[in-house]
Protein backbone atom coordinates (compact mmCIF):
# COMPACT_ATOMS: atom_id res chain seq x y z
CA MET A 1 -50.29 12.22 1.43
CA LEU A 2 -48.02 15.14 0.44
CA CYS A 3 -45.46 12.62 -0.94
CA LEU A 4 -48.16 11.29 -3.29
CA LEU A 5 -49.28 14.75 -4.29
CA LEU A 6 -45.72 15.76 -5.22
CA LEU A 7 -44.80 12.50 -6.87
CA PRO A 8 -45.32 13.71 -10.42
CA PHE A 9 -43.14 16.72 -9.89
CA HIS A 10 -40.51 14.50 -8.32
CA LEU A 11 -40.55 12.14 -11.29
CA ILE A 12 -40.36 14.99 -13.81
CA LEU A 13 -37.49 16.61 -11.96
CA GLY A 14 -35.80 13.31 -11.70
CA LEU A 15 -36.05 12.77 -15.49
CA LEU A 16 -34.73 16.29 -16.16
CA PHE A 17 -31.72 15.78 -13.86
CA LEU A 18 -30.98 12.27 -15.10
CA PRO A 19 -28.44 13.34 -17.77
CA PHE A 20 -26.58 15.36 -15.13
CA ILE A 21 -26.54 12.40 -12.70
CA LEU A 22 -25.27 10.17 -15.51
CA LEU A 23 -22.61 12.71 -16.39
CA ARG A 24 -21.54 12.95 -12.75
CA ALA A 25 -21.20 9.15 -12.68
CA VAL A 26 -19.14 9.19 -15.86
CA PHE A 27 -16.76 11.80 -14.48
CA LYS A 28 -16.40 9.85 -11.18
CA LEU A 29 -15.65 6.67 -13.15
CA LEU A 30 -13.12 8.49 -15.31
CA ALA A 31 -11.44 10.00 -12.17
CA ALA A 32 -11.33 6.48 -10.55
CA MET A 33 -9.76 4.98 -13.74
CA ILE A 34 -7.12 7.67 -13.76
CA LEU A 35 -6.37 7.74 -10.07
CA LEU A 36 -6.73 4.03 -9.13
CA PRO A 37 -3.30 3.03 -10.67
CA ILE A 38 -1.62 5.87 -8.98
CA VAL A 39 -3.12 5.07 -5.61
CA LEU A 40 -2.24 1.38 -6.05
CA ALA A 41 1.38 2.26 -6.99
CA VAL A 42 1.80 4.54 -3.93
CA ALA A 43 0.24 1.89 -1.65
CA PHE A 44 2.66 -0.73 -2.97
CA VAL A 45 5.59 1.51 -2.41
CA GLY A 46 4.30 2.25 1.12
CA LEU A 47 3.92 -1.39 1.92
CA LEU A 48 7.37 -2.16 0.55
CA ILE A 49 8.99 0.68 2.74
CA GLY A 50 7.01 -0.52 5.70
CA GLY A 51 8.14 -4.08 5.15
CA LEU A 52 11.74 -2.96 4.99
CA ALA A 53 11.33 -0.85 8.06
CA ILE A 54 9.90 -3.80 9.98
CA SER A 55 12.67 -6.06 8.74
CA PHE A 56 15.37 -3.61 9.87
CA ALA A 57 13.57 -3.13 13.21
CA VAL A 58 13.72 -6.94 13.75
CA LEU A 59 17.10 -7.65 12.30
CA LEU A 60 19.13 -4.60 13.54
CA PRO A 61 19.07 -5.68 17.29
CA LEU A 62 20.41 -9.10 16.12
CA LEU A 63 23.42 -7.55 14.37
CA PRO A 64 25.85 -7.71 17.37
CA PHE A 65 25.10 -11.38 17.82
CA ALA A 66 25.72 -11.99 14.08
CA LEU A 67 29.01 -10.13 14.27
CA LEU A 68 29.97 -12.07 17.43
CA ALA A 69 29.22 -15.34 15.63
CA LEU A 70 31.30 -14.12 12.60
CA PHE A 71 34.26 -13.28 14.79
CA ILE A 72 34.16 -16.68 16.62
CA TRP A 73 33.84 -18.48 13.27
CA ALA A 74 36.83 -16.55 12.00
CA ILE A 75 38.91 -17.29 14.99
CA VAL A 76 38.05 -21.02 14.93
CA LYS A 77 38.90 -21.12 11.23
CA LEU A 78 42.29 -19.54 11.81
CA VAL A 79 43.06 -21.82 14.78
CA ALA A 80 41.95 -24.99 13.00
CA HIS A 81 44.10 -24.28 9.89
CA PRO A 82 47.32 -22.44 10.85
CA ALA A 83 48.96 -20.53 8.09
CA ALA A 84 51.82 -22.40 6.37
CA THR A 85 55.22 -20.87 7.10
């Protein structure tokens, strides 16, 4: 009952504060338009760094095996084709 009694005052105050509510929405939209590209760029760089970190975390333990395979390949290549003297 009290809600219905105060409804006209609520509507009048709502109409009085409408420009300020719209102004707040405009400022929020403006801030979002300015900050969104910056946030997206930082997120992209973060994802790129994270991807590189994961790649190094996976590939770095395999480095000794890759070097071992390289040395075996080099030895086989030297033995298969001896240098001309």
